[in-house]
Amino acid sequence: MRDDIAKDRRTLVLALSTPCHFCTESAPFFQRIRKETAKDLKMVAVLPQPVNDSHKYLEAEGVQVDDIRQAQVNSIGVTGTPTLLLVDEKGTVADAWQGKLQPDQETAVLAVLNKSLP
């Protein structure tokens, strides 16, 4: 996955799992991220379930991403879901948020995601 990320200036990795109720409860926020951030922000969902099942889950929740990958979330250094990882073009995690975020935390995440890059 690192090679794919290197092509993009910023990638937001959503580490999710289909049976995770906090992931489902966070879906409206993930929708807001897509609508309220720069179009050059790539969004990649990583779930342990098969890609087809993950695609159906995300579609049912109205969450649009650029790519879906199947992997155990601990393989990308994540210990719980949902977790958001903001990754730079070098594949370095620039910021991370874990769990179902409160409204003020969501606002802070959007501010970071909308911060212009040099």
PDB file of N, CA and C in Angstrom:
ATOM      1  N   MET A   1       0.825  -1.187   0.000  1.00  0.00           N
ATOM      2  CA  MET A   1       0.000   0.000   0.000  1.00  0.00           C
ATOM      3  C   MET A   1       0.868   1.249   0.000  1.00  0.00           C
ATOM      4  N   ARG A   2       2.042   1.216   0.590  1.00  0.00           N
ATOM      5  CA  ARG A   2       2.906   2.380   0.686  1.00  0.00           C
ATOM      6  C   ARG A   2       3.235   2.963  -0.690  1.00  0.00           C
ATOM      7  N   ASP A   3       3.481   2.126  -1.699  1.00  0.00           N
ATOM      8  CA  ASP A   3       3.794   2.610  -3.036  1.00  0.00           C
ATOM      9  C   ASP A   3       2.628   3.397  -3.617  1.00  0.00           C
ATOM     10  N   ASP A   4       1.416   2.930  -3.392  1.00  0.00           N
ATOM     11  CA  ASP A   4       0.245   3.633  -3.891  1.00  0.00           C
ATOM     12  C   ASP A   4       0.088   4.984  -3.210  1.00  0.00           C
ATOM     13  N   ILE A   5       0.334   5.021  -1.919  1.00  0.00           N
ATOM     14  CA  ILE A   5       0.203   6.265  -1.166  1.00  0.00           C
ATOM     15  C   ILE A   5       1.234   7.281  -1.628  1.00  0.00           C
ATOM     16  N   ALA A   6       2.417   6.825  -1.977  1.00  0.00           N
ATOM     17  CA  ALA A   6       3.483   7.733  -2.375  1.00  0.00           C
ATOM     18  C   ALA A   6       3.110   8.575  -3.591  1.00  0.00           C
ATOM     19  N   LYS A   7       2.176   8.113  -4.391  1.00  0.00           N
ATOM     20  CA  LYS A   7       1.757   8.865  -5.570  1.00  0.00           C
ATOM     21  C   LYS A   7       0.923  10.085  -5.197  1.00  0.00           C
ATOM     22  N   ASP A   8       0.317  10.081  -4.030  1.00  0.00           N
ATOM     23  CA  ASP A   8      -0.589  11.143  -3.614  1.00  0.00           C
ATOM     24  C   ASP A   8       0.056  11.989  -2.529  1.00  0.00           C
ATOM     25  N   ARG A   9      -0.274  13.274  -2.520  1.00  0.00           N
ATOM     26  CA  ARG A   9       0.293  14.164  -1.514  1.00  0.00           C
ATOM     27  C   ARG A   9      -0.220  13.822  -0.117  1.00  0.00           C
ATOM     28  N   ARG A  10      -1.515  13.514  -0.030  1.00  0.00           N
ATOM     29  CA  ARG A  10      -2.094  13.152   1.267  1.00  0.00           C
ATOM     30  C   ARG A  10      -3.139  12.068   1.059  1.00  0.00           C
ATOM     31  N   THR A  11      -3.110  11.091   1.946  1.00  0.00           N
ATOM     32  CA  THR A  11      -4.085  10.016   1.914  1.00  0.00           C
ATOM     33  C   THR A  11      -4.664   9.863   3.310  1.00  0.00           C
ATOM     34  N   LEU A  12      -5.974   9.760   3.384  1.00  0.00           N
ATOM     35  CA  LEU A  12      -6.633   9.477   4.644  1.00  0.00           C
ATOM     36  C   LEU A  12      -7.021   8.012   4.626  1.00  0.00           C
ATOM     37  N   VAL A  13      -6.410   7.243   5.525  1.00  0.00           N
ATOM     38  CA  VAL A  13      -6.711   5.819   5.641  1.00  0.00           C
ATOM     39  C   VAL A  13      -7.771   5.661   6.724  1.00  0.00           C
ATOM     40  N   LEU A  14      -8.871   5.009   6.360  1.00  0.00           N
ATOM     41  CA  LEU A  14      -9.931   4.704   7.317  1.00  0.00           C
ATOM     42  C   LEU A  14      -9.811   3.234   7.671  1.00  0.00           C
ATOM     43  N   ALA A  15      -9.371   2.944   8.866  1.00  0.00           N
ATOM     44  CA  ALA A  15      -9.278   1.560   9.343  1.00  0.00           C
ATOM     45  C   ALA A  15     -10.613   1.234  10.012  1.00  0.00           C
ATOM     46  N   LEU A  16     -11.356   0.330   9.374  1.00  0.00           N
ATOM     47  CA  LEU A  16     -12.718   0.028   9.799  1.00  0.00           C
ATOM     48  C   LEU A  16     -12.936  -1.472   9.877  1.00  0.00           C
ATOM     49  N   SER A  17     -14.103  -1.850  10.365  1.00  0.00           N
ATOM     50  CA  SER A  17     -14.517  -3.247  10.368  1.00  0.00           C
ATOM     51  C   SER A  17     -16.036  -3.258  10.281  1.00  0.00           C
ATOM     52  N   THR A  18     -16.583  -4.129   9.437  1.00  0.00           N
ATOM     53  CA  THR A  18     -18.029  -4.106   9.212  1.00  0.00           C
ATOM     54  C   THR A  18     -18.868  -4.353  10.474  1.00  0.00           C
ATOM     55  N   PRO A  19     -18.456  -5.222  11.424  1.00  0.00           N
ATOM     56  CA  PRO A  19     -19.298  -5.393  12.610  1.00  0.00           C
ATOM     57  C   PRO A  19     -19.076  -4.326  13.694  1.00  0.00           C
ATOM     58  N   CYS A  20     -18.186  -3.385  13.458  1.00  0.00           N
ATOM     59  CA  CYS A  20     -17.867  -2.350  14.453  1.00  0.00           C
ATOM     60  C   CYS A  20     -18.973  -1.294  14.493  1.00  0.00           C
ATOM     61  N   HIS A  21     -19.711  -1.247  15.596  1.00  0.00           N
ATOM     62  CA  HIS A  21     -20.825  -0.290  15.671  1.00  0.00           C
ATOM     63  C   HIS A  21     -20.328   1.147  15.736  1.00  0.00           C
ATOM     64  N   PHE A  22     -19.116   1.372  16.257  1.00  0.00           N
ATOM     65  CA  PHE A  22     -18.569   2.733  16.265  1.00  0.00           C
ATOM     66  C   PHE A  22     -18.230   3.187  14.845  1.00  0.00           C
ATOM     67  N   CYS A  23     -17.839   2.249  13.987  1.00  0.00           N
ATOM     68  CA  CYS A  23     -17.580   2.568  12.574  1.00  0.00           C
ATOM     69  C   CYS A  23     -18.881   2.987  11.902  1.00  0.00           C
ATOM     70  N   THR A  24     -19.931   2.218  12.140  1.00  0.00           N
ATOM     71  CA  THR A  24     -21.234   2.524  11.553  1.00  0.00           C
ATOM     72  C   THR A  24     -21.744   3.863  12.072  1.00  0.00           C
ATOM     73  N   GLU A  25     -21.593   4.115  13.368  1.00  0.00           N
ATOM     74  CA  GLU A  25     -22.037   5.380  13.949  1.00  0.00           C
ATOM     75  C   GLU A  25     -21.217   6.558  13.414  1.00  0.00           C
ATOM     76  N   SER A  26     -19.996   6.297  12.974  1.00  0.00           N
ATOM     77  CA  SER A  26     -19.122   7.347  12.448  1.00  0.00           C
ATOM     78  C   SER A  26     -19.327   7.610  10.965  1.00  0.00           C
ATOM     79  N   ALA A  27     -20.129   6.795  10.290  1.00  0.00           N
ATOM     80  CA  ALA A  27     -20.330   6.924   8.845  1.00  0.00           C
ATOM     81  C   ALA A  27     -20.751   8.333   8.414  1.00  0.00           C
ATOM     82  N   PRO A  28     -21.660   9.009   9.130  1.00  0.00           N
ATOM     83  CA  PRO A  28     -22.007  10.373   8.707  1.00  0.00           C
ATOM     84  C   PRO A  28     -20.795  11.313   8.700  1.00  0.00           C
ATOM     85  N   PHE A  29     -19.879  11.122   9.641  1.00  0.00           N
ATOM     86  CA  PHE A  29     -18.672  11.946   9.644  1.00  0.00           C
ATOM     87  C   PHE A  29     -17.791  11.617   8.445  1.00  0.00           C
ATOM     88  N   PHE A  30     -17.675  10.342   8.107  1.00  0.00           N
ATOM     89  CA  PHE A  30     -16.872   9.966   6.939  1.00  0.00           C
ATOM     90  C   PHE A  30     -17.474  10.560   5.665  1.00  0.00           C
ATOM     91  N   GLN A  31     -18.795  10.649   5.617  1.00  0.00           N
ATOM     92  CA  GLN A  31     -19.462  11.299   4.482  1.00  0.00           C
ATOM     93  C   GLN A  31     -19.089  12.784   4.441  1.00  0.00           C
ATOM     94  N   ARG A  32     -19.077  13.428   5.605  1.00  0.00           N
ATOM     95  CA  ARG A  32     -18.712  14.853   5.678  1.00  0.00           C
ATOM     96  C   ARG A  32     -17.275  15.071   5.210  1.00  0.00           C
ATOM     97  N   ILE A  33     -16.382  14.165   5.574  1.00  0.00           N
ATOM     98  CA  ILE A  33     -14.988  14.313   5.149  1.00  0.00           C
ATOM     99  C   ILE A  33     -14.927  14.383   3.632  1.00  0.00           C
ATOM    100  N   ARG A  34     -15.629  13.493   2.966  1.00  0.00           N
ATOM    101  CA  ARG A  34     -15.614  13.462   1.496  1.00  0.00           C
ATOM    102  C   ARG A  34     -16.166  14.772   0.925  1.00  0.00           C
ATOM    103  N   LYS A  35     -17.222  15.286   1.543  1.00  0.00           N
ATOM    104  CA  LYS A  35     -17.881  16.491   1.018  1.00  0.00           C
ATOM    105  C   LYS A  35     -17.142  17.780   1.373  1.00  0.00           C
ATOM    106  N   GLU A  36     -16.482  17.805   2.542  1.00  0.00           N
ATOM    107  CA  GLU A  36     -15.963  19.072   3.066  1.00  0.00           C
ATOM    108  C   GLU A  36     -14.444  19.211   3.010  1.00  0.00           C
ATOM    109  N   THR A  37     -13.769  18.309   2.302  1.00  0.00           N
ATOM    110  CA  THR A  37     -12.318  18.424   2.196  1.00  0.00           C
ATOM    111  C   THR A  37     -11.913  18.575   0.738  1.00  0.00           C
ATOM    112  N   ALA A  38     -10.675  18.955   0.541  1.00  0.00           N
ATOM    113  CA  ALA A  38     -10.145  19.161  -0.809  1.00  0.00           C
ATOM    114  C   ALA A  38     -10.268  17.879  -1.620  1.00  0.00           C
ATOM    115  N   LYS A  39     -10.512  18.059  -2.881  1.00  0.00           N
ATOM    116  CA  LYS A  39     -10.704  16.903  -3.770  1.00  0.00           C
ATOM    117  C   LYS A  39      -9.417  16.105  -3.975  1.00  0.00           C
ATOM    118  N   ASP A  40      -8.266  16.707  -3.656  1.00  0.00           N
ATOM    119  CA  ASP A  40      -7.006  15.967  -3.837  1.00  0.00           C
ATOM    120  C   ASP A  40      -6.684  15.056  -2.653  1.00  0.00           C
ATOM    121  N   LEU A  41      -7.528  15.049  -1.626  1.00  0.00           N
ATOM    122  CA  LEU A  41      -7.335  14.137  -0.504  1.00  0.00           C
ATOM    123  C   LEU A  41      -7.853  12.761  -0.919  1.00  0.00           C
ATOM    124  N   LYS A  42      -6.954  11.811  -0.993  1.00  0.00           N
ATOM    125  CA  LYS A  42      -7.348  10.448  -1.347  1.00  0.00           C
ATOM    126  C   LYS A  42      -7.823   9.744  -0.079  1.00  0.00           C
ATOM    127  N   MET A  43      -8.910   8.993  -0.195  1.00  0.00           N
ATOM    128  CA  MET A  43      -9.427   8.232   0.937  1.00  0.00           C
ATOM    129  C   MET A  43      -9.370   6.746   0.615  1.00  0.00           C
ATOM    130  N   VAL A  44      -8.738   5.993   1.519  1.00  0.00           N
ATOM    131  CA  VAL A  44      -8.592   4.550   1.357  1.00  0.00           C
ATOM    132  C   VAL A  44      -9.157   3.880   2.600  1.00  0.00           C
ATOM    133  N   ALA A  45     -10.065   2.925   2.398  1.00  0.00           N
ATOM    134  CA  ALA A  45     -10.615   2.160   3.518  1.00  0.00           C
ATOM    135  C   ALA A  45      -9.881   0.831   3.619  1.00  0.00           C
ATOM    136  N   VAL A  46      -9.472   0.489   4.833  1.00  0.00           N
ATOM    137  CA  VAL A  46      -8.812  -0.789   5.095  1.00  0.00           C
ATOM    138  C   VAL A  46      -9.680  -1.536   6.104  1.00  0.00           C
ATOM    139  N   LEU A  47     -10.148  -2.714   5.683  1.00  0.00           N
ATOM    140  CA  LEU A  47     -11.008  -3.534   6.533  1.00  0.00           C
ATOM    141  C   LEU A  47     -10.526  -4.976   6.485  1.00  0.00           C
ATOM    142  N   PRO A  48     -10.732  -5.747   7.555  1.00  0.00           N
ATOM    143  CA  PRO A  48     -10.320  -7.157   7.537  1.00  0.00           C
ATOM    144  C   PRO A  48     -11.256  -8.047   6.712  1.00  0.00           C
ATOM    145  N   GLN A  49     -12.449  -7.560   6.396  1.00  0.00           N
ATOM    146  CA  GLN A  49     -13.407  -8.344   5.642  1.00  0.00           C
ATOM    147  C   GLN A  49     -13.035  -8.327   4.145  1.00  0.00           C
ATOM    148  N   PRO A  50     -13.550  -9.303   3.379  1.00  0.00           N
ATOM    149  CA  PRO A  50     -13.295  -9.315   1.937  1.00  0.00           C
ATOM    150  C   PRO A  50     -13.731  -7.995   1.290  1.00  0.00           C
ATOM    151  N   VAL A  51     -13.008  -7.577   0.262  1.00  0.00           N
ATOM    152  CA  VAL A  51     -13.268  -6.298  -0.399  1.00  0.00           C
ATOM    153  C   VAL A  51     -14.727  -6.183  -0.841  1.00  0.00           C
ATOM    154  N   ASN A  52     -15.288  -7.244  -1.377  1.00  0.00           N
ATOM    155  CA  ASN A  52     -16.671  -7.196  -1.839  1.00  0.00           C
ATOM    156  C   ASN A  52     -17.626  -6.881  -0.678  1.00  0.00           C
ATOM    157  N   ASP A  53     -17.431  -7.538   0.457  1.00  0.00           N
ATOM    158  CA  ASP A  53     -18.262  -7.276   1.635  1.00  0.00           C
ATOM    159  C   ASP A  53     -18.037  -5.849   2.141  1.00  0.00           C
ATOM    160  N   SER A  54     -16.801  -5.416   2.136  1.00  0.00           N
ATOM    161  CA  SER A  54     -16.470  -4.060   2.594  1.00  0.00           C
ATOM    162  C   SER A  54     -17.115  -3.014   1.694  1.00  0.00           C
ATOM    163  N   HIS A  55     -17.071  -3.268   0.389  1.00  0.00           N
ATOM    164  CA  HIS A  55     -17.682  -2.346  -0.569  1.00  0.00           C
ATOM    165  C   HIS A  55     -19.184  -2.219  -0.303  1.00  0.00           C
ATOM    166  N   LYS A  56     -19.852  -3.349  -0.089  1.00  0.00           N
ATOM    167  CA  LYS A  56     -21.300  -3.342   0.196  1.00  0.00           C
ATOM    168  C   LYS A  56     -21.592  -2.572   1.483  1.00  0.00           C
ATOM    169  N   TYR A  57     -20.763  -2.790   2.502  1.00  0.00           N
ATOM    170  CA  TYR A  57     -20.938  -2.110   3.785  1.00  0.00           C
ATOM    171  C   TYR A  57     -20.801  -0.598   3.606  1.00  0.00           C
ATOM    172  N   LEU A  58     -19.718  -0.172   2.957  1.00  0.00           N
ATOM    173  CA  LEU A  58     -19.480   1.254   2.774  1.00  0.00           C
ATOM    174  C   LEU A  58     -20.571   1.890   1.916  1.00  0.00           C
ATOM    175  N   GLU A  59     -20.989   1.186   0.892  1.00  0.00           N
ATOM    176  CA  GLU A  59     -22.058   1.692   0.033  1.00  0.00           C
ATOM    177  C   GLU A  59     -23.351   1.850   0.832  1.00  0.00           C
ATOM    178  N   ALA A  60     -23.686   0.873   1.644  1.00  0.00           N
ATOM    179  CA  ALA A  60     -24.905   0.934   2.460  1.00  0.00           C
ATOM    180  C   ALA A  60     -24.850   2.097   3.450  1.00  0.00           C
ATOM    181  N   GLU A  61     -23.647   2.436   3.913  1.00  0.00           N
ATOM    182  CA  GLU A  61     -23.476   3.534   4.873  1.00  0.00           C
ATOM    183  C   GLU A  61     -23.280   4.885   4.182  1.00  0.00           C
ATOM    184  N   GLY A  62     -23.206   4.876   2.842  1.00  0.00           N
ATOM    185  CA  GLY A  62     -23.046   6.121   2.097  1.00  0.00           C
ATOM    186  C   GLY A  62     -21.651   6.709   2.171  1.00  0.00           C
ATOM    187  N   VAL A  63     -20.664   5.860   2.446  1.00  0.00           N
ATOM    188  CA  VAL A  63     -19.282   6.318   2.572  1.00  0.00           C
ATOM    189  C   VAL A  63     -18.559   6.067   1.257  1.00  0.00           C
ATOM    190  N   GLN A  64     -18.080   7.147   0.632  1.00  0.00           N
ATOM    191  CA  GLN A  64     -17.370   7.044  -0.637  1.00  0.00           C
ATOM    192  C   GLN A  64     -15.872   7.154  -0.401  1.00  0.00           C
ATOM    193  N   VAL A  65     -15.140   6.169  -0.903  1.00  0.00           N
ATOM    194  CA  VAL A  65     -13.682   6.167  -0.801  1.00  0.00           C
ATOM    195  C   VAL A  65     -13.096   5.916  -2.184  1.00  0.00           C
ATOM    196  N   ASP A  66     -11.816   6.203  -2.315  1.00  0.00           N
ATOM    197  CA  ASP A  66     -11.135   6.007  -3.596  1.00  0.00           C
ATOM    198  C   ASP A  66     -10.659   4.579  -3.794  1.00  0.00           C
ATOM    199  N   ASP A  67     -10.437   3.878  -2.684  1.00  0.00           N
ATOM    200  CA  ASP A  67      -9.934   2.510  -2.777  1.00  0.00           C
ATOM    201  C   ASP A  67     -10.322   1.759  -1.514  1.00  0.00           C
ATOM    202  N   ILE A  68     -10.495   0.451  -1.652  1.00  0.00           N
ATOM    203  CA  ILE A  68     -10.804  -0.427  -0.516  1.00  0.00           C
ATOM    204  C   ILE A  68      -9.775  -1.539  -0.523  1.00  0.00           C
ATOM    205  N   ARG A  69      -9.164  -1.769   0.633  1.00  0.00           N
ATOM    206  CA  ARG A  69      -8.161  -2.824   0.762  1.00  0.00           C
ATOM    207  C   ARG A  69      -8.562  -3.774   1.877  1.00  0.00           C
ATOM    208  N   GLN A  70      -8.247  -5.057   1.685  1.00  0.00           N
ATOM    209  CA  GLN A  70      -8.467  -6.030   2.746  1.00  0.00           C
ATOM    210  C   GLN A  70      -7.151  -6.269   3.455  1.00  0.00           C
ATOM    211  N   ALA A  71      -7.148  -6.032   4.753  1.00  0.00           N
ATOM    212  CA  ALA A  71      -5.975  -6.292   5.590  1.00  0.00           C
ATOM    213  C   ALA A  71      -6.419  -6.252   7.045  1.00  0.00           C
ATOM    214  N   GLN A  72      -5.720  -6.983   7.870  1.00  0.00           N
ATOM    215  CA  GLN A  72      -5.964  -6.876   9.300  1.00  0.00           C
ATOM    216  C   GLN A  72      -5.472  -5.492   9.719  1.00  0.00           C
ATOM    217  N   VAL A  73      -6.296  -4.762  10.475  1.00  0.00           N
ATOM    218  CA  VAL A  73      -5.924  -3.389  10.796  1.00  0.00           C
ATOM    219  C   VAL A  73      -4.641  -3.310  11.625  1.00  0.00           C
ATOM    220  N   ASN A  74      -4.346  -4.355  12.392  1.00  0.00           N
ATOM    221  CA  ASN A  74      -3.099  -4.329  13.169  1.00  0.00           C
ATOM    222  C   ASN A  74      -1.872  -4.400  12.256  1.00  0.00           C
ATOM    223  N   SER A  75      -2.065  -4.838  11.008  1.00  0.00           N
ATOM    224  CA  SER A  75      -0.939  -4.892  10.066  1.00  0.00           C
ATOM    225  C   SER A  75      -0.515  -3.497   9.616  1.00  0.00           C
ATOM    226  N   ILE A  76      -1.368  -2.491   9.855  1.00  0.00           N
ATOM    227  CA  ILE A  76      -0.998  -1.110   9.542  1.00  0.00           C
ATOM    228  C   ILE A  76      -0.813  -0.295  10.822  1.00  0.00           C
ATOM    229  N   GLY A  77      -0.626  -0.990  11.940  1.00  0.00           N
ATOM    230  CA  GLY A  77      -0.321  -0.330  13.200  1.00  0.00           C
ATOM    231  C   GLY A  77      -1.522   0.197  13.957  1.00  0.00           C
ATOM    232  N   VAL A  78      -2.702  -0.276  13.615  1.00  0.00           N
ATOM    233  CA  VAL A  78      -3.931   0.189  14.252  1.00  0.00           C
ATOM    234  C   VAL A  78      -4.392  -0.852  15.265  1.00  0.00           C
ATOM    235  N   THR A  79      -4.786  -0.376  16.451  1.00  0.00           N
ATOM    236  CA  THR A  79      -5.210  -1.300  17.505  1.00  0.00           C
ATOM    237  C   THR A  79      -6.718  -1.353  17.698  1.00  0.00           C
ATOM    238  N   GLY A  80      -7.445  -0.423  17.095  1.00  0.00           N
ATOM    239  CA  GLY A  80      -8.896  -0.423  17.242  1.00  0.00           C
ATOM    240  C   GLY A  80      -9.555   0.303  16.092  1.00  0.00           C
ATOM    241  N   THR A  81     -10.839   0.048  15.917  1.00  0.00           N
ATOM    242  CA  THR A  81     -11.582   0.706  14.849  1.00  0.00           C
ATOM    243  C   THR A  81     -12.731   1.507  15.444  1.00  0.00           C
ATOM    244  N   PRO A  82     -13.102   2.601  14.816  1.00  0.00           N
ATOM    245  CA  PRO A  82     -12.475   3.199  13.645  1.00  0.00           C
ATOM    246  C   PRO A  82     -11.213   3.974  14.014  1.00  0.00           C
ATOM    247  N   THR A  83     -10.266   3.985  13.112  1.00  0.00           N
ATOM    248  CA  THR A  83      -9.079   4.817  13.236  1.00  0.00           C
ATOM    249  C   THR A  83      -8.854   5.501  11.901  1.00  0.00           C
ATOM    250  N   LEU A  84      -8.524   6.781  11.965  1.00  0.00           N
ATOM    251  CA  LEU A  84      -8.182   7.555  10.778  1.00  0.00           C
ATOM    252  C   LEU A  84      -6.697   7.854  10.823  1.00  0.00           C
ATOM    253  N   LEU A  85      -6.006   7.610   9.719  1.00  0.00           N
ATOM    254  CA  LEU A  85      -4.581   7.906   9.603  1.00  0.00           C
ATOM    255  C   LEU A  85      -4.383   8.861   8.437  1.00  0.00           C
ATOM    256  N   LEU A  86      -3.813  10.022   8.708  1.00  0.00           N
ATOM    257  CA  LEU A  86      -3.467  10.943   7.639  1.00  0.00           C
ATOM    258  C   LEU A  86      -2.012  10.667   7.273  1.00  0.00           C
ATOM    259  N   VAL A  87      -1.802  10.237   6.035  1.00  0.00           N
ATOM    260  CA  VAL A  87      -0.490   9.782   5.585  1.00  0.00           C
ATOM    261  C   VAL A  87       0.020  10.727   4.501  1.00  0.00           C
ATOM    262  N   ASP A  88       1.293  11.121   4.613  1.00  0.00           N
ATOM    263  CA  ASP A  88       1.867  12.011   3.601  1.00  0.00           C
ATOM    264  C   ASP A  88       2.401  11.228   2.411  1.00  0.00           C
ATOM    265  N   GLU A  89       2.985  11.933   1.455  1.00  0.00           N
ATOM    266  CA  GLU A  89       3.444  11.299   0.222  1.00  0.00           C
ATOM    267  C   GLU A  89       4.590  10.325   0.435  1.00  0.00           C
ATOM    268  N   LYS A  90       5.248  10.405   1.594  1.00  0.00           N
ATOM    269  CA  LYS A  90       6.340   9.476   1.904  1.00  0.00           C
ATOM    270  C   LYS A  90       5.848   8.232   2.633  1.00  0.00           C
ATOM    271  N   GLY A  91       4.554   8.186   2.904  1.00  0.00           N
ATOM    272  CA  GLY A  91       4.000   7.052   3.629  1.00  0.00           C
ATOM    273  C   GLY A  91       4.113   7.198   5.138  1.00  0.00           C
ATOM    274  N   THR A  92       4.449   8.405   5.593  1.00  0.00           N
ATOM    275  CA  THR A  92       4.584   8.679   7.024  1.00  0.00           C
ATOM    276  C   THR A  92       3.247   9.144   7.582  1.00  0.00           C
ATOM    277  N   VAL A  93       2.867   8.595   8.722  1.00  0.00           N
ATOM    278  CA  VAL A  93       1.623   9.018   9.361  1.00  0.00           C
ATOM    279  C   VAL A  93       1.843  10.405   9.969  1.00  0.00           C
ATOM    280  N   ALA A  94       1.102  11.375   9.435  1.00  0.00           N
ATOM    281  CA  ALA A  94       1.227  12.751   9.901  1.00  0.00           C
ATOM    282  C   ALA A  94       0.293  13.032  11.075  1.00  0.00           C
ATOM    283  N   ASP A  95      -0.815  12.317  11.130  1.00  0.00           N
ATOM    284  CA  ASP A  95      -1.785  12.510  12.208  1.00  0.00           C
ATOM    285  C   ASP A  95      -2.651  11.268  12.305  1.00  0.00           C
ATOM    286  N   ALA A  96      -3.251  11.045  13.461  1.00  0.00           N
ATOM    287  CA  ALA A  96      -4.101   9.864  13.656  1.00  0.00           C
ATOM    288  C   ALA A  96      -5.185  10.184  14.676  1.00  0.00           C
ATOM    289  N   TRP A  97      -6.352   9.597  14.448  1.00  0.00           N
ATOM    290  CA  TRP A  97      -7.484   9.749  15.348  1.00  0.00           C
ATOM    291  C   TRP A  97      -8.137   8.392  15.511  1.00  0.00           C
ATOM    292  N   GLN A  98      -8.464   8.029  16.765  1.00  0.00           N
ATOM    293  CA  GLN A  98      -9.026   6.705  17.017  1.00  0.00           C
ATOM    294  C   GLN A  98     -10.353   6.817  17.742  1.00  0.00           C
ATOM    295  N   GLY A  99     -11.259   5.923  17.385  1.00  0.00           N
ATOM    296  CA  GLY A  99     -12.544   5.836  18.058  1.00  0.00           C
ATOM    297  C   GLY A  99     -13.611   6.701  17.422  1.00  0.00           C
ATOM    298  N   LYS A 100     -14.806   6.641  17.977  1.00  0.00           N
ATOM    299  CA  LYS A 100     -15.900   7.489  17.511  1.00  0.00           C
ATOM    300  C   LYS A 100     -15.635   8.883  18.059  1.00  0.00           C
ATOM    301  N   LEU A 101     -15.479   9.827  17.154  1.00  0.00           N
ATOM    302  CA  LEU A 101     -15.098  11.177  17.555  1.00  0.00           C
ATOM    303  C   LEU A 101     -16.316  11.998  17.968  1.00  0.00           C
ATOM    304  N   GLN A 102     -16.089  12.885  18.924  1.00  0.00           N
ATOM    305  CA  GLN A 102     -17.116  13.827  19.355  1.00  0.00           C
ATOM    306  C   GLN A 102     -17.170  14.982  18.349  1.00  0.00           C
ATOM    307  N   PRO A 103     -18.268  15.745  18.321  1.00  0.00           N
ATOM    308  CA  PRO A 103     -18.392  16.823  17.333  1.00  0.00           C
ATOM    309  C   PRO A 103     -17.209  17.794  17.305  1.00  0.00           C
ATOM    310  N   ASP A 104     -16.684  18.177  18.481  1.00  0.00           N
ATOM    311  CA  ASP A 104     -15.544  19.100  18.484  1.00  0.00           C
ATOM    312  C   ASP A 104     -14.291  18.440  17.904  1.00  0.00           C
ATOM    313  N   GLN A 105     -14.142  17.136  18.122  1.00  0.00           N
ATOM    314  CA  GLN A 105     -13.014  16.413  17.538  1.00  0.00           C
ATOM    315  C   GLN A 105     -13.166  16.311  16.020  1.00  0.00           C
ATOM    316  N   GLU A 106     -14.390  16.089  15.556  1.00  0.00           N
ATOM    317  CA  GLU A 106     -14.648  16.036  14.114  1.00  0.00           C
ATOM    318  C   GLU A 106     -14.276  17.365  13.460  1.00  0.00           C
ATOM    319  N   THR A 107     -14.649  18.468  14.110  1.00  0.00           N
ATOM    320  CA  THR A 107     -14.312  19.794  13.590  1.00  0.00           C
ATOM    321  C   THR A 107     -12.803  19.969  13.510  1.00  0.00           C
ATOM    322  N   ALA A 108     -12.094  19.494  14.526  1.00  0.00           N
ATOM    323  CA  ALA A 108     -10.628  19.596  14.536  1.00  0.00           C
ATOM    324  C   ALA A 108     -10.013  18.756  13.415  1.00  0.00           C
ATOM    325  N   VAL A 109     -10.553  17.562  13.182  1.00  0.00           N
ATOM    326  CA  VAL A 109     -10.053  16.702  12.109  1.00  0.00           C
ATOM    327  C   VAL A 109     -10.253  17.394  10.763  1.00  0.00           C
ATOM    328  N   LEU A 110     -11.439  17.943  10.532  1.00  0.00           N
ATOM    329  CA  LEU A 110     -11.704  18.633   9.270  1.00  0.00           C
ATOM    330  C   LEU A 110     -10.760  19.811   9.082  1.00  0.00           C
ATOM    331  N   ALA A 111     -10.444  20.512  10.163  1.00  0.00           N
ATOM    332  CA  ALA A 111      -9.508  21.641  10.064  1.00  0.00           C
ATOM    333  C   ALA A 111      -8.128  21.163   9.628  1.00  0.00           C
ATOM    334  N   VAL A 112      -7.674  20.046  10.195  1.00  0.00           N
ATOM    335  CA  VAL A 112      -6.375  19.485   9.805  1.00  0.00           C
ATOM    336  C   VAL A 112      -6.406  19.043   8.344  1.00  0.00           C
ATOM    337  N   LEU A 113      -7.471  18.372   7.948  1.00  0.00           N
ATOM    338  CA  LEU A 113      -7.574  17.871   6.587  1.00  0.00           C
ATOM    339  C   LEU A 113      -7.666  18.994   5.553  1.00  0.00           C
ATOM    340  N   ASN A 114      -8.198  20.130   5.972  1.00  0.00           N
ATOM    341  CA  ASN A 114      -8.350  21.259   5.050  1.00  0.00           C
ATOM    342  C   ASN A 114      -7.180  22.237   5.094  1.00  0.00           C
ATOM    343  N   LYS A 115      -6.214  21.957   5.966  1.00  0.00           N
ATOM    344  CA  LYS A 115      -5.053  22.827   6.052  1.00  0.00           C
ATOM    345  C   LYS A 115      -4.261  22.702   4.754  1.00  0.00           C
ATOM    346  N   SER A 116      -3.929  23.831   4.173  1.00  0.00           N
ATOM    347  CA  SER A 116      -3.209  23.782   2.893  1.00  0.00           C
ATOM    348  C   SER A 116      -1.781  23.286   3.098  1.00  0.00           C
ATOM    349  N   LEU A 117      -1.312  22.584   2.102  1.00  0.00           N
ATOM    350  CA  LEU A 117       0.046  22.049   2.151  1.00  0.00           C
ATOM    351  C   LEU A 117       1.019  23.026   1.499  1.00  0.00           C
ATOM    352  N   PRO A 118       2.286  23.001   1.936  1.00  0.00           N
ATOM    353  CA  PRO A 118       3.277  23.889   1.311  1.00  0.00           C
ATOM    354  C   PRO A 118       3.532  23.493  -0.137  1.00  0.00           C
TER     355      PRO A 118
END
